[in-house]
Amino acid sequence: QVQLVESGGGLVQAGGSLRLSCAYSGRTFSTSPMGWFRQAPGKEREFVATISASGIVTNYADSVRGRFTISRDNAKRTVYLQMNSLKPEDTAVYYCAVKRRGYVTSTNVADYDYWGQGTQVTVSS
């Protein structure tokens, strides 16, 4: 059984930084692409960043490119999201997810098979 647990969210002022972590338990972490998504109140869940199983290939939403960095440590079974220069519009619940089908990364919510419970990020102006 796969379980994902996010941590690191909180309240930060605009321009500040946070680092989210997602701990993975279960099999096949090192062969599975991972992703971060977010959902603001009244909005659909949206793609933030994704990383390949090896960690070599990454992709970002235009809204966060240059400010956020996704990384992973396969030995620790953990994926990270470093968020810098945070803006009020980054306020959302952030979710990590694992894509168990295939090795190609994806920006599509429907392609991910397991999700964490989410961690709240609030950026004040």
Protein backbone atom coordinates (compact mmCIF):
# COMPACT_ATOMS: atom_id res chain seq x y z
CA GLN A 1 0.00 0.00 0.00
CA VAL A 2 1.33 3.42 -0.97
CA GLN A 3 1.15 6.30 1.48
CA LEU A 4 2.27 9.88 0.94
CA VAL A 5 2.62 12.38 3.79
CA GLU A 6 3.30 16.05 3.12
CA SER A 7 4.82 18.47 5.61
CA GLY A 8 6.38 21.92 5.71
CA GLY A 9 3.42 24.12 4.97
CA GLY A 10 2.58 27.21 6.97
CA LEU A 11 2.05 30.96 6.97
CA VAL A 12 4.68 33.16 5.33
CA GLN A 13 4.89 36.76 4.17
CA ALA A 14 5.09 37.61 0.50
CA GLY A 15 8.66 37.24 -0.73
CA GLY A 16 9.41 34.54 1.80
CA SER A 17 10.30 30.88 1.33
CA LEU A 18 9.02 27.48 2.38
CA ARG A 19 10.22 23.96 1.74
CA LEU A 20 7.63 21.23 1.42
CA SER A 21 8.49 17.58 1.92
CA CYS A 22 6.60 14.47 0.90
CA ALA A 23 7.51 11.18 2.52
CA TYR A 24 6.65 8.04 0.54
CA SER A 25 6.00 4.61 1.95
CA GLY A 26 5.45 1.58 -0.24
CA ARG A 27 7.14 0.01 -3.21
CA THR A 28 8.57 1.42 -6.45
CA PHE A 29 9.34 4.97 -5.31
CA SER A 30 12.65 5.05 -7.18
CA THR A 31 10.99 4.08 -10.48
CA SER A 32 8.00 6.44 -10.29
CA PRO A 33 7.62 10.04 -11.41
CA MET A 34 6.35 12.36 -8.70
CA GLY A 35 4.40 15.57 -8.83
CA TRP A 36 3.27 18.53 -6.77
CA PHE A 37 -0.15 20.05 -7.29
CA ARG A 38 -2.13 22.73 -5.48
CA GLN A 39 -5.73 23.68 -4.96
CA ALA A 40 -6.98 27.09 -3.89
CA PRO A 41 -10.47 27.60 -2.45
CA GLY A 42 -13.10 27.47 -5.17
CA LYS A 43 -10.60 26.40 -7.82
CA GLU A 44 -9.66 23.13 -9.45
CA ARG A 45 -6.51 21.29 -8.51
CA GLU A 46 -3.65 22.49 -10.70
CA PHE A 47 -0.22 21.27 -11.68
CA VAL A 48 2.81 22.84 -10.00
CA ALA A 49 5.86 20.68 -10.72
CA THR A 50 6.90 17.18 -11.67
CA ILE A 51 10.09 15.16 -11.53
CA SER A 52 11.17 11.96 -13.21
CA ALA A 53 12.14 8.81 -11.31
CA SER A 54 15.84 9.57 -11.72
CA GLY A 55 15.42 13.21 -10.79
CA ILE A 56 16.99 14.36 -14.05
CA VAL A 57 13.85 15.60 -15.80
CA THR A 58 11.73 18.31 -14.21
CA ASN A 59 8.86 20.45 -15.41
CA TYR A 60 7.08 23.44 -13.89
CA ALA A 61 3.92 25.43 -14.32
CA ASP A 62 4.61 28.81 -15.90
CA SER A 63 3.33 30.52 -12.77
CA VAL A 64 6.08 29.03 -10.57
CA ARG A 65 8.98 28.51 -12.97
CA GLY A 66 12.08 30.25 -11.69
CA ARG A 67 10.72 30.47 -8.14
CA PHE A 68 10.02 26.83 -7.21
CA THR A 69 12.36 23.85 -7.39
CA ILE A 70 11.32 20.21 -7.20
CA SER A 71 13.84 17.57 -6.12
CA ARG A 72 13.90 14.06 -4.74
CA ASP A 73 16.06 11.83 -2.61
CA ASN A 74 15.41 8.23 -3.60
CA ALA A 75 17.41 6.88 -0.67
CA LYS A 76 15.13 8.75 1.74
CA ARG A 77 12.01 8.14 -0.35
CA THR A 78 11.20 11.82 -0.18
CA VAL A 79 10.33 14.48 -2.71
CA TYR A 80 10.74 18.19 -1.99
CA LEU A 81 9.35 21.47 -3.25
CA GLN A 82 11.48 24.51 -2.47
CA MET A 83 9.34 27.61 -2.85
CA ASN A 84 11.01 31.01 -3.01
CA SER A 85 9.70 34.52 -3.68
CA LEU A 86 6.25 33.44 -2.59
CA LYS A 87 3.25 35.48 -3.66
CA PRO A 88 -0.26 35.72 -2.19
CA GLU A 89 -1.56 33.89 -5.26
CA ASP A 90 0.51 30.86 -4.22
CA THR A 91 -1.86 30.36 -1.29
CA ALA A 92 -3.38 26.89 -1.57
CA VAL A 93 -3.35 23.37 -0.23
CA TYR A 94 -0.36 21.62 -1.76
CA TYR A 95 -0.49 17.93 -2.60
CA CYS A 96 2.18 15.49 -3.67
CA ALA A 97 1.31 12.56 -5.89
CA VAL A 98 2.94 9.52 -7.47
CA LYS A 99 2.49 8.31 -11.03
CA ARG A 100 2.71 4.53 -11.01
CA ARG A 101 1.86 3.93 -14.67
CA GLY A 102 4.84 4.43 -16.95
CA TYR A 103 8.04 6.39 -16.59
CA VAL A 104 7.09 9.63 -18.32
CA THR A 105 6.30 12.66 -16.21
CA SER A 106 2.92 14.33 -16.57
CA THR A 107 1.18 17.60 -15.76
CA ASN A 108 -2.24 15.91 -15.76
CA VAL A 109 -3.98 15.30 -12.43
CA ALA A 110 -5.67 12.19 -13.83
CA ASP A 111 -2.34 10.49 -14.55
CA TYR A 112 -1.39 10.28 -10.87
CA ASP A 113 -2.44 7.27 -8.83
CA TYR A 114 -1.84 8.08 -5.17
CA TRP A 115 -2.09 11.37 -3.32
CA GLY A 116 -1.12 12.78 0.04
CA GLN A 117 -3.52 14.52 2.38
CA GLY A 118 -2.18 17.96 1.53
CA THR A 119 -0.45 20.74 3.43
CA GLN A 120 -1.70 24.33 3.66
CA VAL A 121 0.47 27.16 2.38
CA THR A 122 -0.71 30.68 3.14
CA VAL A 123 1.14 33.73 1.81
CA SER A 124 0.20 37.06 3.33
CA SER A 125 0.63 40.35 1.49
